[in-house]
Amino acid sequence: MQIENHPKELAAMEEFHKGNRREGLKLQEEFVAEFREAYKDKDHCPCQKACGYHGNCRECVTIHRAHQEHVPNCMRPMLNRKLKLLSELTEHTLAAEIEAPKEILRKQESST
């Protein structure tokens, strides 16, 4: 089951934005029911880091809310897409000012 950009959840958000809360909630509940069925016996966590909270979103998000330093790995691609759009306002000049911490997993450079 696709989670990110799921058509039913996107449709639910569209209904919420139109003010159709009842229809939005209906679609959202349908999405959650599909999710529960699809992942009752499968791993749904896209995180690539070894973590004791892998697949336990409730505890993972609680930890991140508590320490307030960064967001869970699974949310980074979504946030990065949105930040990239904002960065376009300054021709991505912010990129030259950012140095990632050493523990951040970087793409491996090819040795050609």
N, C-alpha and C. Protein backbone atom coordinates (compact mmCIF):
# COMPACT_ATOMS: atom_id res chain seq x y z
N MET A 1 0.85 -1.19 0.00
CA MET A 1 0.00 0.00 0.00
C MET A 1 0.88 1.25 0.00
N GLN A 2 0.56 2.14 -0.85
CA GLN A 2 1.24 3.44 -0.90
C GLN A 2 0.72 4.30 0.24
N ILE A 3 1.62 4.92 1.00
CA ILE A 3 1.20 5.82 2.07
C ILE A 3 1.37 7.27 1.62
N GLU A 4 2.61 7.63 1.25
CA GLU A 4 2.86 9.01 0.82
C GLU A 4 2.03 9.34 -0.41
N ASN A 5 1.38 10.49 -0.36
CA ASN A 5 0.54 10.97 -1.47
C ASN A 5 -0.55 9.98 -1.86
N HIS A 6 -1.12 9.32 -0.87
CA HIS A 6 -2.21 8.36 -1.13
C HIS A 6 -3.42 9.12 -1.70
N PRO A 7 -3.97 8.67 -2.81
CA PRO A 7 -5.08 9.39 -3.46
C PRO A 7 -6.28 9.64 -2.55
N LYS A 8 -6.62 8.68 -1.73
CA LYS A 8 -7.80 8.85 -0.85
C LYS A 8 -7.53 9.92 0.20
N GLU A 9 -6.33 9.94 0.76
CA GLU A 9 -6.00 10.95 1.77
C GLU A 9 -5.86 12.33 1.13
N LEU A 10 -5.34 12.38 -0.09
CA LEU A 10 -5.27 13.66 -0.81
C LEU A 10 -6.68 14.19 -1.07
N ALA A 11 -7.59 13.28 -1.43
CA ALA A 11 -8.99 13.68 -1.65
C ALA A 11 -9.62 14.16 -0.34
N ALA A 12 -9.27 13.50 0.76
CA ALA A 12 -9.79 13.91 2.07
C ALA A 12 -9.34 15.34 2.39
N MET A 13 -8.07 15.62 2.16
CA MET A 13 -7.56 16.97 2.43
C MET A 13 -8.24 18.01 1.53
N GLU A 14 -8.50 17.64 0.30
CA GLU A 14 -9.20 18.55 -0.61
C GLU A 14 -10.59 18.88 -0.05
N GLU A 15 -11.28 17.87 0.46
CA GLU A 15 -12.60 18.10 1.05
C GLU A 15 -12.50 18.99 2.30
N PHE A 16 -11.50 18.74 3.14
CA PHE A 16 -11.31 19.60 4.32
C PHE A 16 -11.11 21.06 3.89
N HIS A 17 -10.27 21.26 2.87
CA HIS A 17 -9.99 22.63 2.40
C HIS A 17 -11.23 23.31 1.82
N LYS A 18 -12.13 22.52 1.27
CA LYS A 18 -13.39 23.07 0.73
C LYS A 18 -14.41 23.32 1.84
N GLY A 19 -14.09 22.88 3.06
CA GLY A 19 -15.02 23.05 4.16
C GLY A 19 -15.94 21.86 4.36
N ASN A 20 -15.72 20.78 3.61
CA ASN A 20 -16.55 19.58 3.73
C ASN A 20 -15.94 18.62 4.74
N ARG A 21 -16.02 19.00 5.99
CA ARG A 21 -15.39 18.22 7.06
C ARG A 21 -15.92 16.79 7.12
N ARG A 22 -17.22 16.63 7.01
CA ARG A 22 -17.82 15.29 7.10
C ARG A 22 -17.27 14.35 6.02
N GLU A 23 -17.20 14.85 4.78
CA GLU A 23 -16.67 14.03 3.68
C GLU A 23 -15.17 13.78 3.87
N GLY A 24 -14.44 14.79 4.34
CA GLY A 24 -13.02 14.63 4.59
C GLY A 24 -12.76 13.55 5.63
N LEU A 25 -13.53 13.59 6.72
CA LEU A 25 -13.38 12.58 7.77
C LEU A 25 -13.74 11.18 7.26
N LYS A 26 -14.76 11.10 6.43
CA LYS A 26 -15.16 9.81 5.86
C LYS A 26 -14.03 9.22 5.03
N LEU A 27 -13.46 10.03 4.15
CA LEU A 27 -12.36 9.56 3.31
C LEU A 27 -11.13 9.21 4.15
N GLN A 28 -10.87 10.01 5.17
CA GLN A 28 -9.73 9.75 6.04
C GLN A 28 -9.90 8.43 6.78
N GLU A 29 -11.10 8.17 7.26
CA GLU A 29 -11.36 6.89 7.94
C GLU A 29 -11.21 5.71 6.98
N GLU A 30 -11.63 5.88 5.72
CA GLU A 30 -11.44 4.82 4.72
C GLU A 30 -9.96 4.55 4.50
N PHE A 31 -9.17 5.62 4.41
CA PHE A 31 -7.71 5.47 4.25
C PHE A 31 -7.12 4.71 5.43
N VAL A 32 -7.48 5.11 6.65
CA VAL A 32 -6.94 4.46 7.85
C VAL A 32 -7.35 2.99 7.91
N ALA A 33 -8.58 2.70 7.51
CA ALA A 33 -9.03 1.31 7.51
C ALA A 33 -8.21 0.48 6.52
N GLU A 34 -7.94 1.05 5.34
CA GLU A 34 -7.10 0.36 4.35
C GLU A 34 -5.69 0.15 4.90
N PHE A 35 -5.17 1.18 5.57
CA PHE A 35 -3.83 1.09 6.15
C PHE A 35 -3.79 -0.03 7.20
N ARG A 36 -4.76 -0.02 8.10
CA ARG A 36 -4.77 -1.04 9.16
C ARG A 36 -4.79 -2.44 8.57
N GLU A 37 -5.59 -2.64 7.55
CA GLU A 37 -5.70 -3.96 6.92
C GLU A 37 -4.39 -4.33 6.22
N ALA A 38 -3.84 -3.41 5.46
CA ALA A 38 -2.64 -3.70 4.67
C ALA A 38 -1.42 -3.95 5.54
N TYR A 39 -1.35 -3.26 6.68
CA TYR A 39 -0.13 -3.33 7.50
C TYR A 39 -0.31 -4.02 8.84
N LYS A 40 -1.39 -4.78 9.01
CA LYS A 40 -1.56 -5.44 10.30
C LYS A 40 -0.46 -6.47 10.56
N ASP A 41 0.12 -7.03 9.51
CA ASP A 41 1.19 -8.01 9.68
C ASP A 41 2.46 -7.63 8.93
N LYS A 42 2.57 -6.37 8.49
CA LYS A 42 3.74 -5.93 7.71
C LYS A 42 4.37 -4.71 8.35
N ASP A 43 5.62 -4.47 7.98
CA ASP A 43 6.34 -3.28 8.41
C ASP A 43 5.97 -2.12 7.49
N HIS A 44 5.56 -1.02 8.06
CA HIS A 44 5.19 0.16 7.27
C HIS A 44 6.19 1.30 7.40
N CYS A 45 7.19 1.14 8.25
CA CYS A 45 8.12 2.22 8.56
C CYS A 45 9.18 2.35 7.46
N PRO A 46 9.28 3.55 6.84
CA PRO A 46 10.26 3.74 5.78
C PRO A 46 11.66 4.12 6.29
N CYS A 47 11.81 4.24 7.59
CA CYS A 47 13.08 4.67 8.17
C CYS A 47 14.18 3.66 7.85
N GLN A 48 15.32 4.16 7.42
CA GLN A 48 16.45 3.30 7.08
C GLN A 48 17.45 3.14 8.23
N LYS A 49 17.24 3.88 9.32
CA LYS A 49 18.14 3.79 10.46
C LYS A 49 17.70 2.67 11.39
N ALA A 50 18.67 1.96 11.96
CA ALA A 50 18.36 0.95 12.96
C ALA A 50 17.91 1.68 14.22
N CYS A 51 16.72 1.36 14.70
CA CYS A 51 16.16 2.09 15.82
C CYS A 51 15.24 1.17 16.61
N GLY A 52 15.28 1.28 17.91
CA GLY A 52 14.43 0.47 18.76
C GLY A 52 12.95 0.82 18.66
N TYR A 53 12.64 1.93 18.02
CA TYR A 53 11.25 2.37 17.89
C TYR A 53 10.74 2.20 16.46
N HIS A 54 11.49 1.48 15.62
CA HIS A 54 11.12 1.26 14.23
C HIS A 54 9.70 0.71 14.14
N GLY A 55 8.85 1.38 13.41
CA GLY A 55 7.47 0.93 13.21
C GLY A 55 6.52 1.34 14.32
N ASN A 56 7.02 1.94 15.38
CA ASN A 56 6.17 2.36 16.49
C ASN A 56 6.06 3.89 16.45
N CYS A 57 5.21 4.37 15.55
CA CYS A 57 5.10 5.81 15.29
C CYS A 57 4.73 6.60 16.55
N ARG A 58 3.85 6.07 17.34
CA ARG A 58 3.40 6.80 18.54
C ARG A 58 4.58 7.13 19.45
N GLU A 59 5.39 6.12 19.75
CA GLU A 59 6.53 6.37 20.64
C GLU A 59 7.61 7.20 19.95
N CYS A 60 7.86 6.93 18.68
CA CYS A 60 8.88 7.68 17.93
C CYS A 60 8.54 9.17 17.90
N VAL A 61 7.32 9.50 17.51
CA VAL A 61 6.92 10.91 17.43
C VAL A 61 6.94 11.54 18.83
N THR A 62 6.53 10.79 19.85
CA THR A 62 6.56 11.32 21.21
C THR A 62 7.97 11.70 21.62
N ILE A 63 8.93 10.86 21.31
CA ILE A 63 10.33 11.15 21.63
C ILE A 63 10.77 12.43 20.93
N HIS A 64 10.47 12.56 19.65
CA HIS A 64 10.88 13.74 18.89
C HIS A 64 10.17 15.00 19.39
N ARG A 65 8.91 14.88 19.77
CA ARG A 65 8.20 16.01 20.35
C ARG A 65 8.86 16.42 21.66
N ALA A 66 9.30 15.44 22.43
CA ALA A 66 9.88 15.73 23.74
C ALA A 66 11.22 16.44 23.64
N HIS A 67 12.10 15.96 22.76
CA HIS A 67 13.42 16.60 22.72
C HIS A 67 13.48 17.81 21.80
N GLN A 68 12.55 17.96 20.88
CA GLN A 68 12.41 19.18 20.06
C GLN A 68 13.65 19.54 19.25
N GLU A 69 14.49 18.57 18.91
CA GLU A 69 15.70 18.90 18.15
C GLU A 69 15.56 18.66 16.65
N HIS A 70 14.88 17.62 16.27
CA HIS A 70 14.71 17.33 14.85
C HIS A 70 13.45 16.48 14.68
N VAL A 71 13.12 16.16 13.44
CA VAL A 71 11.91 15.39 13.18
C VAL A 71 12.28 13.93 12.87
N PRO A 72 11.33 13.03 13.01
CA PRO A 72 11.62 11.62 12.67
C PRO A 72 12.10 11.48 11.23
N ASN A 73 12.96 10.51 11.02
CA ASN A 73 13.52 10.29 9.68
C ASN A 73 12.45 10.12 8.61
N CYS A 74 11.35 9.48 8.94
CA CYS A 74 10.31 9.23 7.95
C CYS A 74 9.64 10.51 7.47
N MET A 75 9.72 11.59 8.24
CA MET A 75 9.08 12.86 7.85
C MET A 75 10.02 13.78 7.10
N ARG A 76 11.30 13.45 7.08
CA ARG A 76 12.27 14.35 6.45
C ARG A 76 12.05 14.55 4.95
N PRO A 77 11.79 13.51 4.17
CA PRO A 77 11.58 13.75 2.73
C PRO A 77 10.43 14.72 2.46
N MET A 78 9.32 14.57 3.19
CA MET A 78 8.18 15.47 3.01
C MET A 78 8.56 16.91 3.36
N LEU A 79 9.21 17.08 4.51
CA LEU A 79 9.62 18.43 4.92
C LEU A 79 10.67 19.01 3.98
N ASN A 80 11.60 18.18 3.52
CA ASN A 80 12.62 18.67 2.60
C ASN A 80 12.02 19.14 1.28
N ARG A 81 10.98 18.46 0.80
CA ARG A 81 10.31 18.91 -0.44
C ARG A 81 9.71 20.30 -0.23
N LYS A 82 9.11 20.51 0.92
CA LYS A 82 8.49 21.81 1.20
C LYS A 82 9.55 22.89 1.42
N LEU A 83 10.63 22.55 2.12
CA LEU A 83 11.71 23.51 2.33
C LEU A 83 12.41 23.87 1.02
N LYS A 84 12.51 22.88 0.13
CA LYS A 84 13.14 23.15 -1.17
C LYS A 84 12.33 24.20 -1.93
N LEU A 85 11.01 24.11 -1.86
CA LEU A 85 10.17 25.11 -2.52
C LEU A 85 10.43 26.50 -1.95
N LEU A 86 10.55 26.58 -0.63
CA LEU A 86 10.86 27.87 0.00
C LEU A 86 12.25 28.36 -0.39
N SER A 87 13.18 27.44 -0.47
CA SER A 87 14.56 27.79 -0.81
C SER A 87 14.66 28.38 -2.22
N GLU A 88 13.73 28.00 -3.08
CA GLU A 88 13.73 28.56 -4.44
C GLU A 88 13.57 30.08 -4.43
N LEU A 89 12.97 30.62 -3.37
CA LEU A 89 12.77 32.06 -3.28
C LEU A 89 14.09 32.82 -3.23
N THR A 90 15.15 32.13 -2.79
CA THR A 90 16.47 32.78 -2.73
C THR A 90 17.48 32.03 -3.61
N GLU A 91 16.97 31.44 -4.68
CA GLU A 91 17.81 30.70 -5.62
C GLU A 91 18.68 29.65 -4.92
N HIS A 92 18.16 29.08 -3.87
CA HIS A 92 18.81 28.02 -3.09
C HIS A 92 20.16 28.45 -2.51
N THR A 93 20.36 29.74 -2.30
CA THR A 93 21.62 30.21 -1.72
C THR A 93 21.81 29.74 -0.28
N LEU A 94 20.74 29.34 0.37
CA LEU A 94 20.83 28.81 1.72
C LEU A 94 21.69 27.55 1.76
N ALA A 95 21.68 26.79 0.69
CA ALA A 95 22.42 25.52 0.65
C ALA A 95 23.90 25.72 0.96
N ALA A 96 24.47 26.83 0.53
CA ALA A 96 25.88 27.09 0.77
C ALA A 96 26.16 27.38 2.24
N GLU A 97 25.13 27.70 3.00
CA GLU A 97 25.29 28.05 4.41
C GLU A 97 25.03 26.89 5.36
N ILE A 98 24.65 25.74 4.82
CA ILE A 98 24.25 24.60 5.65
C ILE A 98 25.35 23.55 5.69
N GLU A 99 25.69 23.12 6.89
CA GLU A 99 26.62 22.00 7.06
C GLU A 99 25.91 20.97 7.93
N ALA A 100 25.68 19.80 7.36
CA ALA A 100 24.97 18.75 8.08
C ALA A 100 25.85 18.15 9.17
N PRO A 101 25.25 17.74 10.28
CA PRO A 101 26.01 17.06 11.34
C PRO A 101 26.63 15.77 10.80
N LYS A 102 27.69 15.31 11.41
CA LYS A 102 28.40 14.11 10.95
C LYS A 102 27.52 12.87 10.96
N GLU A 103 26.56 12.79 11.87
CA GLU A 103 25.75 11.57 11.96
C GLU A 103 24.70 11.45 10.85
N ILE A 104 24.53 12.50 10.06
CA ILE A 104 23.56 12.44 8.96
C ILE A 104 24.09 11.54 7.86
N LEU A 105 23.26 10.63 7.42
CA LEU A 105 23.66 9.72 6.34
C LEU A 105 23.68 10.48 5.03
N ARG A 106 24.80 10.49 4.37
CA ARG A 106 24.97 11.18 3.09
C ARG A 106 24.92 10.17 1.96
N LYS A 107 24.53 10.63 0.78
CA LYS A 107 24.59 9.78 -0.40
C LYS A 107 26.05 9.47 -0.67
N GLN A 108 26.32 8.24 -1.02
CA GLN A 108 27.68 7.84 -1.32
C GLN A 108 28.09 8.41 -2.67
N GLU A 109 29.26 9.04 -2.71
CA GLU A 109 29.77 9.56 -3.98
C GLU A 109 30.38 8.40 -4.75
N SER A 110 30.12 8.38 -6.05
CA SER A 110 30.69 7.31 -6.87
C SER A 110 32.16 7.59 -7.11
N SER A 111 32.97 6.57 -7.07
CA SER A 111 34.40 6.74 -7.28
C SER A 111 34.75 6.34 -8.71
N THR A 112 34.45 7.27 -9.62
CA THR A 112 34.75 7.01 -11.04
C THR A 112 35.91 7.83 -11.51
